[in-house]
Amino acid sequence: MVRGTFATIRLVNKLSDAPGPQTRHLPSGDKMDIFDAAERYAAEGVPLIAIAGKDYGSGSSRDWAAKGPMLLGIRCVIAESFERIHRSNLVGMGVVPLQFLPGQSAASLGLTGEEVYTVEIPEAPRTHELLTVKVGK
């Protein structure tokens, strides 16, 4: 069922110009299925994040919607907004849900998904605490 994660043509992966569960492996540039890319990143020891828009996680399969990204190796989701229950499910799966500040988005910050992200999480984080995410090339 992990292969079904993000497998809808309604989602747009900005790293790929193909519809459906396609992406581009970085830094190689190889185009492949999301599942295959996740397997490759896992073999390379690369933890993953997802950058998302509004209402991330909305829909009927909220529980699986949190398990799938975790099983793909996604450790953090940075979104404009989250569906409330899904955000809790992500936390339960060990995936850190971070929200852009009001008025910010991947587009407004010029993020392409090709960056390297470092999320600074304090030892005892609190709900709604502002965290620093460093972005580099």
N, C-alpha and C. Protein backbone atom coordinates (compact mmCIF):
# COMPACT_ATOMS: atom_id res chain seq x y z
N MET A 1 0.81 -1.21 0.00
CA MET A 1 0.00 0.00 0.00
C MET A 1 0.85 1.27 0.00
N VAL A 2 2.13 1.13 0.35
CA VAL A 2 3.00 2.30 0.35
C VAL A 2 3.10 2.87 -1.06
N ARG A 3 3.08 2.01 -2.06
CA ARG A 3 3.16 2.47 -3.45
C ARG A 3 1.99 3.38 -3.82
N GLY A 4 0.88 3.28 -3.10
CA GLY A 4 -0.29 4.10 -3.38
C GLY A 4 -0.22 5.49 -2.77
N THR A 5 0.78 5.74 -1.94
CA THR A 5 0.92 7.06 -1.31
C THR A 5 1.24 8.10 -2.38
N PHE A 6 0.50 9.17 -2.39
CA PHE A 6 0.62 10.27 -3.35
C PHE A 6 0.29 9.83 -4.78
N ALA A 7 -0.40 8.70 -4.93
CA ALA A 7 -0.70 8.17 -6.26
C ALA A 7 -2.06 8.66 -6.75
N THR A 8 -2.17 9.94 -6.95
CA THR A 8 -3.38 10.52 -7.52
C THR A 8 -2.97 11.63 -8.48
N ILE A 9 -3.69 11.74 -9.58
CA ILE A 9 -3.35 12.78 -10.55
C ILE A 9 -3.77 14.16 -10.07
N ARG A 10 -4.52 14.22 -8.95
CA ARG A 10 -4.92 15.53 -8.42
C ARG A 10 -3.78 16.22 -7.68
N LEU A 11 -2.78 15.46 -7.26
CA LEU A 11 -1.63 16.05 -6.60
C LEU A 11 -0.60 16.46 -7.65
N VAL A 12 0.05 17.57 -7.41
CA VAL A 12 1.06 18.06 -8.34
C VAL A 12 2.41 18.04 -7.65
N ASN A 13 3.32 17.23 -8.16
CA ASN A 13 4.68 17.20 -7.66
C ASN A 13 5.48 18.17 -8.51
N LYS A 14 5.92 19.25 -7.91
CA LYS A 14 6.61 20.30 -8.65
C LYS A 14 8.00 19.89 -9.13
N LEU A 15 8.49 18.74 -8.65
CA LEU A 15 9.78 18.25 -9.13
C LEU A 15 9.65 17.46 -10.42
N SER A 16 8.43 17.16 -10.82
CA SER A 16 8.20 16.33 -12.00
C SER A 16 7.22 17.01 -12.94
N ASP A 17 7.39 16.80 -14.21
CA ASP A 17 6.43 17.35 -15.17
C ASP A 17 5.41 16.31 -15.60
N ALA A 18 5.45 15.13 -14.98
CA ALA A 18 4.52 14.05 -15.32
C ALA A 18 3.40 13.97 -14.29
N PRO A 19 2.19 13.61 -14.71
CA PRO A 19 1.10 13.46 -13.74
C PRO A 19 1.25 12.16 -12.95
N GLY A 20 0.54 12.10 -11.82
CA GLY A 20 0.57 10.89 -11.01
C GLY A 20 1.75 10.86 -10.08
N PRO A 21 2.05 9.68 -9.53
CA PRO A 21 3.08 9.57 -8.49
C PRO A 21 4.49 9.54 -9.06
N GLN A 22 4.87 10.61 -9.71
CA GLN A 22 6.20 10.72 -10.32
C GLN A 22 7.00 11.80 -9.61
N THR A 23 8.31 11.66 -9.62
CA THR A 23 9.18 12.67 -9.05
C THR A 23 10.52 12.64 -9.78
N ARG A 24 11.41 13.47 -9.32
CA ARG A 24 12.76 13.52 -9.86
C ARG A 24 13.73 13.33 -8.70
N HIS A 25 14.60 12.34 -8.80
CA HIS A 25 15.60 12.09 -7.77
C HIS A 25 16.66 13.18 -7.84
N LEU A 26 17.02 13.69 -6.69
CA LEU A 26 18.06 14.72 -6.63
C LEU A 26 19.27 14.15 -5.90
N PRO A 27 20.45 14.39 -6.32
CA PRO A 27 20.84 15.34 -7.35
C PRO A 27 20.95 14.74 -8.75
N SER A 28 20.65 13.45 -8.92
CA SER A 28 20.87 12.80 -10.22
C SER A 28 19.98 13.33 -11.33
N GLY A 29 18.76 13.77 -10.97
CA GLY A 29 17.81 14.23 -11.99
C GLY A 29 17.00 13.11 -12.62
N ASP A 30 17.23 11.86 -12.19
CA ASP A 30 16.49 10.72 -12.74
C ASP A 30 15.01 10.84 -12.41
N LYS A 31 14.14 10.64 -13.42
CA LYS A 31 12.70 10.66 -13.19
C LYS A 31 12.26 9.24 -12.85
N MET A 32 11.40 9.13 -11.83
CA MET A 32 10.97 7.81 -11.37
C MET A 32 9.71 7.92 -10.53
N ASP A 33 9.13 6.76 -10.20
CA ASP A 33 7.99 6.73 -9.30
C ASP A 33 8.44 7.21 -7.92
N ILE A 34 7.50 7.81 -7.18
CA ILE A 34 7.80 8.29 -5.83
C ILE A 34 8.31 7.15 -4.95
N PHE A 35 7.67 5.98 -5.04
CA PHE A 35 8.10 4.84 -4.23
C PHE A 35 9.55 4.48 -4.52
N ASP A 36 9.91 4.40 -5.79
CA ASP A 36 11.28 4.04 -6.16
C ASP A 36 12.28 5.10 -5.69
N ALA A 37 11.89 6.36 -5.78
CA ALA A 37 12.77 7.43 -5.29
C ALA A 37 12.94 7.32 -3.78
N ALA A 38 11.86 7.03 -3.07
CA ALA A 38 11.94 6.89 -1.61
C ALA A 38 12.86 5.74 -1.23
N GLU A 39 12.78 4.64 -1.96
CA GLU A 39 13.66 3.50 -1.70
C GLU A 39 15.12 3.90 -1.94
N ARG A 40 15.34 4.66 -2.98
CA ARG A 40 16.71 5.08 -3.30
C ARG A 40 17.25 6.03 -2.24
N TYR A 41 16.43 7.00 -1.81
CA TYR A 41 16.86 7.91 -0.75
C TYR A 41 17.14 7.15 0.54
N ALA A 42 16.31 6.15 0.86
CA ALA A 42 16.53 5.35 2.07
C ALA A 42 17.88 4.63 1.99
N ALA A 43 18.19 4.06 0.83
CA ALA A 43 19.46 3.37 0.64
C ALA A 43 20.64 4.34 0.76
N GLU A 44 20.41 5.60 0.39
CA GLU A 44 21.44 6.63 0.47
C GLU A 44 21.50 7.29 1.84
N GLY A 45 20.56 6.93 2.73
CA GLY A 45 20.53 7.52 4.07
C GLY A 45 20.04 8.95 4.11
N VAL A 46 19.18 9.32 3.15
CA VAL A 46 18.69 10.69 3.06
C VAL A 46 17.28 10.77 3.64
N PRO A 47 17.09 11.51 4.76
CA PRO A 47 15.73 11.71 5.27
C PRO A 47 14.99 12.69 4.37
N LEU A 48 13.68 12.55 4.31
CA LEU A 48 12.89 13.35 3.37
C LEU A 48 11.93 14.29 4.09
N ILE A 49 11.59 15.38 3.40
CA ILE A 49 10.50 16.26 3.83
C ILE A 49 9.57 16.44 2.64
N ALA A 50 8.36 16.85 2.94
CA ALA A 50 7.40 17.20 1.89
C ALA A 50 7.02 18.66 2.08
N ILE A 51 6.96 19.39 1.00
CA ILE A 51 6.51 20.78 1.01
C ILE A 51 5.13 20.77 0.38
N ALA A 52 4.15 21.35 1.07
CA ALA A 52 2.77 21.24 0.61
C ALA A 52 2.06 22.59 0.66
N GLY A 53 0.90 22.60 0.05
CA GLY A 53 0.06 23.79 0.02
C GLY A 53 -0.94 23.80 1.16
N LYS A 54 -2.15 24.19 0.83
CA LYS A 54 -3.22 24.33 1.84
C LYS A 54 -3.95 23.01 2.05
N ASP A 55 -4.47 22.84 3.27
CA ASP A 55 -5.31 21.70 3.64
C ASP A 55 -4.62 20.36 3.42
N TYR A 56 -3.34 20.29 3.70
CA TYR A 56 -2.61 19.04 3.54
C TYR A 56 -3.27 17.97 4.41
N GLY A 57 -3.53 16.82 3.82
CA GLY A 57 -4.10 15.70 4.55
C GLY A 57 -5.61 15.64 4.57
N SER A 58 -6.27 16.53 3.86
CA SER A 58 -7.74 16.47 3.84
C SER A 58 -8.17 15.32 2.94
N GLY A 59 -9.28 14.71 3.28
CA GLY A 59 -9.79 13.57 2.52
C GLY A 59 -10.26 12.48 3.45
N SER A 60 -10.60 11.36 2.88
CA SER A 60 -11.24 10.31 3.68
C SER A 60 -10.27 9.32 4.31
N SER A 61 -9.05 9.20 3.82
CA SER A 61 -8.12 8.19 4.33
C SER A 61 -7.05 8.83 5.20
N ARG A 62 -7.47 9.54 6.23
CA ARG A 62 -6.52 10.31 7.02
C ARG A 62 -5.48 9.43 7.71
N ASP A 63 -5.90 8.28 8.25
CA ASP A 63 -4.96 7.41 8.96
C ASP A 63 -3.87 6.93 8.00
N TRP A 64 -4.27 6.39 6.86
CA TRP A 64 -3.29 5.93 5.88
C TRP A 64 -2.50 7.10 5.31
N ALA A 65 -3.12 8.25 5.22
CA ALA A 65 -2.44 9.43 4.68
C ALA A 65 -1.26 9.83 5.55
N ALA A 66 -1.25 9.44 6.81
CA ALA A 66 -0.10 9.70 7.68
C ALA A 66 0.89 8.54 7.67
N LYS A 67 0.39 7.32 7.56
CA LYS A 67 1.28 6.14 7.53
C LYS A 67 2.11 6.10 6.26
N GLY A 68 1.49 6.42 5.13
CA GLY A 68 2.18 6.34 3.85
C GLY A 68 3.43 7.20 3.80
N PRO A 69 3.33 8.51 4.09
CA PRO A 69 4.54 9.34 4.06
C PRO A 69 5.62 8.85 5.03
N MET A 70 5.21 8.41 6.22
CA MET A 70 6.18 7.91 7.19
C MET A 70 6.92 6.70 6.61
N LEU A 71 6.18 5.79 5.99
CA LEU A 71 6.81 4.59 5.42
C LEU A 71 7.68 4.92 4.20
N LEU A 72 7.42 6.04 3.55
CA LEU A 72 8.26 6.48 2.43
C LEU A 72 9.55 7.14 2.92
N GLY A 73 9.64 7.43 4.22
CA GLY A 73 10.84 8.07 4.76
C GLY A 73 10.70 9.55 4.98
N ILE A 74 9.49 10.08 4.83
CA ILE A 74 9.25 11.50 5.08
C ILE A 74 9.24 11.73 6.58
N ARG A 75 10.08 12.63 7.05
CA ARG A 75 10.20 12.91 8.48
C ARG A 75 9.54 14.22 8.88
N CYS A 76 9.22 15.06 7.89
CA CYS A 76 8.65 16.37 8.17
C CYS A 76 7.81 16.80 6.98
N VAL A 77 6.67 17.43 7.27
CA VAL A 77 5.84 18.04 6.23
C VAL A 77 5.72 19.51 6.57
N ILE A 78 6.07 20.37 5.63
CA ILE A 78 5.90 21.81 5.80
C ILE A 78 4.79 22.23 4.85
N ALA A 79 3.69 22.72 5.41
CA ALA A 79 2.51 23.04 4.60
C ALA A 79 1.96 24.42 4.97
N GLU A 80 1.14 24.95 4.06
CA GLU A 80 0.45 26.21 4.36
C GLU A 80 -0.60 26.01 5.43
N SER A 81 -1.28 24.86 5.40
CA SER A 81 -2.24 24.50 6.44
C SER A 81 -2.46 23.00 6.41
N PHE A 82 -2.96 22.46 7.52
CA PHE A 82 -3.21 21.03 7.67
C PHE A 82 -4.66 20.78 8.02
N GLU A 83 -5.16 19.63 7.60
CA GLU A 83 -6.43 19.16 8.13
C GLU A 83 -6.13 18.76 9.58
N ARG A 84 -6.98 19.18 10.51
CA ARG A 84 -6.71 19.07 11.94
C ARG A 84 -6.39 17.64 12.40
N ILE A 85 -7.23 16.68 12.07
CA ILE A 85 -7.02 15.30 12.51
C ILE A 85 -5.76 14.72 11.86
N HIS A 86 -5.55 15.06 10.61
CA HIS A 86 -4.37 14.53 9.91
C HIS A 86 -3.09 15.02 10.58
N ARG A 87 -3.07 16.27 11.00
CA ARG A 87 -1.87 16.79 11.68
C ARG A 87 -1.56 15.94 12.91
N SER A 88 -2.59 15.60 13.69
CA SER A 88 -2.41 14.74 14.87
C SER A 88 -1.92 13.35 14.46
N ASN A 89 -2.45 12.82 13.36
CA ASN A 89 -2.02 11.50 12.89
C ASN A 89 -0.55 11.52 12.45
N LEU A 90 -0.12 12.61 11.83
CA LEU A 90 1.29 12.73 11.46
C LEU A 90 2.17 12.66 12.70
N VAL A 91 1.80 13.41 13.73
CA VAL A 91 2.57 13.39 14.98
C VAL A 91 2.63 11.97 15.53
N GLY A 92 1.50 11.28 15.51
CA GLY A 92 1.45 9.91 16.00
C GLY A 92 2.36 8.96 15.21
N MET A 93 2.61 9.28 13.96
CA MET A 93 3.48 8.46 13.11
C MET A 93 4.94 8.91 13.18
N GLY A 94 5.21 9.97 13.95
CA GLY A 94 6.57 10.46 14.07
C GLY A 94 6.99 11.40 12.96
N VAL A 95 6.02 11.92 12.21
CA VAL A 95 6.29 12.90 11.15
C VAL A 95 5.99 14.28 11.71
N VAL A 96 6.94 15.19 11.63
CA VAL A 96 6.79 16.53 12.20
C VAL A 96 5.99 17.41 11.24
N PRO A 97 4.81 17.90 11.67
CA PRO A 97 4.04 18.82 10.82
C PRO A 97 4.41 20.26 11.15
N LEU A 98 4.95 20.97 10.18
CA LEU A 98 5.29 22.38 10.35
C LEU A 98 4.45 23.20 9.40
N GLN A 99 4.06 24.38 9.85
CA GLN A 99 3.21 25.25 9.03
C GLN A 99 3.96 26.53 8.71
N PHE A 100 3.88 26.93 7.44
CA PHE A 100 4.45 28.21 7.04
C PHE A 100 3.80 29.31 7.88
N LEU A 101 4.51 30.40 8.10
CA LEU A 101 3.92 31.55 8.77
C LEU A 101 2.82 32.13 7.89
N PRO A 102 1.84 32.83 8.49
CA PRO A 102 0.76 33.41 7.68
C PRO A 102 1.31 34.26 6.53
N GLY A 103 0.75 34.06 5.36
CA GLY A 103 1.17 34.79 4.18
C GLY A 103 2.36 34.18 3.46
N GLN A 104 2.95 33.16 4.05
CA GLN A 104 4.08 32.49 3.42
C GLN A 104 3.64 31.20 2.75
N SER A 105 4.37 30.84 1.73
CA SER A 105 4.17 29.57 1.02
C SER A 105 5.49 29.21 0.37
N ALA A 106 5.55 28.02 -0.17
CA ALA A 106 6.75 27.63 -0.91
C ALA A 106 7.01 28.62 -2.04
N ALA A 107 5.94 28.99 -2.75
CA ALA A 107 6.08 29.91 -3.88
C ALA A 107 6.55 31.29 -3.42
N SER A 108 5.97 31.81 -2.35
CA SER A 108 6.34 33.17 -1.91
C SER A 108 7.78 33.23 -1.41
N LEU A 109 8.29 32.10 -0.95
CA LEU A 109 9.67 32.04 -0.46
C LEU A 109 10.65 31.59 -1.55
N GLY A 110 10.12 31.31 -2.74
CA GLY A 110 10.98 30.90 -3.85
C GLY A 110 11.54 29.50 -3.71
N LEU A 111 10.84 28.63 -2.97
CA LEU A 111 11.31 27.26 -2.78
C LEU A 111 10.94 26.40 -3.97
N THR A 112 11.87 25.60 -4.42
CA THR A 112 11.64 24.73 -5.58
C THR A 112 11.56 23.26 -5.20
N GLY A 113 12.01 22.91 -4.00
CA GLY A 113 12.10 21.51 -3.60
C GLY A 113 13.47 20.93 -3.86
N GLU A 114 14.33 21.68 -4.50
CA GLU A 114 15.69 21.21 -4.78
C GLU A 114 16.67 21.62 -3.68
N GLU A 115 16.16 22.28 -2.66
CA GLU A 115 17.00 22.77 -1.57
C GLU A 115 17.30 21.65 -0.57
N VAL A 116 18.26 21.93 0.30
CA VAL A 116 18.55 21.07 1.44
C VAL A 116 17.98 21.78 2.67
N TYR A 117 17.18 21.06 3.45
CA TYR A 117 16.50 21.66 4.60
C TYR A 117 17.07 21.09 5.89
N THR A 118 17.26 21.96 6.87
CA THR A 118 17.63 21.56 8.21
C THR A 118 16.59 22.12 9.16
N VAL A 119 15.88 21.23 9.84
CA VAL A 119 14.83 21.64 10.78
C VAL A 119 15.42 21.58 12.18
N GLU A 120 15.43 22.73 12.85
CA GLU A 120 15.97 22.79 14.21
C GLU A 120 14.83 22.58 15.20
N ILE A 121 14.81 21.41 15.82
CA ILE A 121 13.75 21.06 16.76
C ILE A 121 14.35 21.04 18.16
N PRO A 122 13.78 21.83 19.08
CA PRO A 122 14.30 21.82 20.45
C PRO A 122 14.07 20.47 21.13
N GLU A 123 14.77 20.24 22.22
CA GLU A 123 14.66 18.97 22.93
C GLU A 123 13.24 18.70 23.42
N ALA A 124 12.54 19.74 23.85
CA ALA A 124 11.16 19.60 24.33
C ALA A 124 10.27 20.61 23.60
N PRO A 125 9.93 20.33 22.34
CA PRO A 125 9.13 21.31 21.57
C PRO A 125 7.72 21.44 22.14
N ARG A 126 7.15 22.64 21.96
CA ARG A 126 5.79 22.91 22.41
C ARG A 126 4.90 23.15 21.20
N THR A 127 3.62 22.88 21.37
CA THR A 127 2.64 23.14 20.32
C THR A 127 2.67 24.62 19.96
N HIS A 128 2.62 24.93 18.69
CA HIS A 128 2.61 26.29 18.14
C HIS A 128 3.92 27.05 18.36
N GLU A 129 4.96 26.36 18.78
CA GLU A 129 6.26 27.00 18.95
C GLU A 129 6.86 27.29 17.57
N LEU A 130 7.46 28.46 17.42
CA LEU A 130 8.14 28.79 16.17
C LEU A 130 9.46 28.04 16.11
N LEU A 131 9.69 27.34 15.01
CA LEU A 131 10.93 26.62 14.81
C LEU A 131 11.68 27.23 13.64
N THR A 132 12.96 27.01 13.62
CA THR A 132 13.79 27.49 12.52
C THR A 132 14.02 26.37 11.52
N VAL A 133 13.79 26.68 10.25
CA VAL A 133 14.10 25.76 9.17
C VAL A 133 15.13 26.47 8.29
N LYS A 134 16.33 25.91 8.25
CA LYS A 134 17.39 26.48 7.42
C LYS A 134 17.32 25.85 6.04
N VAL A 135 17.42 26.69 5.03
CA VAL A 135 17.31 26.24 3.65
C VAL A 135 18.60 26.59 2.93
N GLY A 136 19.21 25.59 2.31
CA GLY A 136 20.44 25.80 1.56
C GLY A 136 20.38 25.05 0.24
N LYS A 137 21.36 25.23 -0.56
CA LYS A 137 21.44 24.55 -1.87
C LYS A 137 22.33 23.35 -1.80
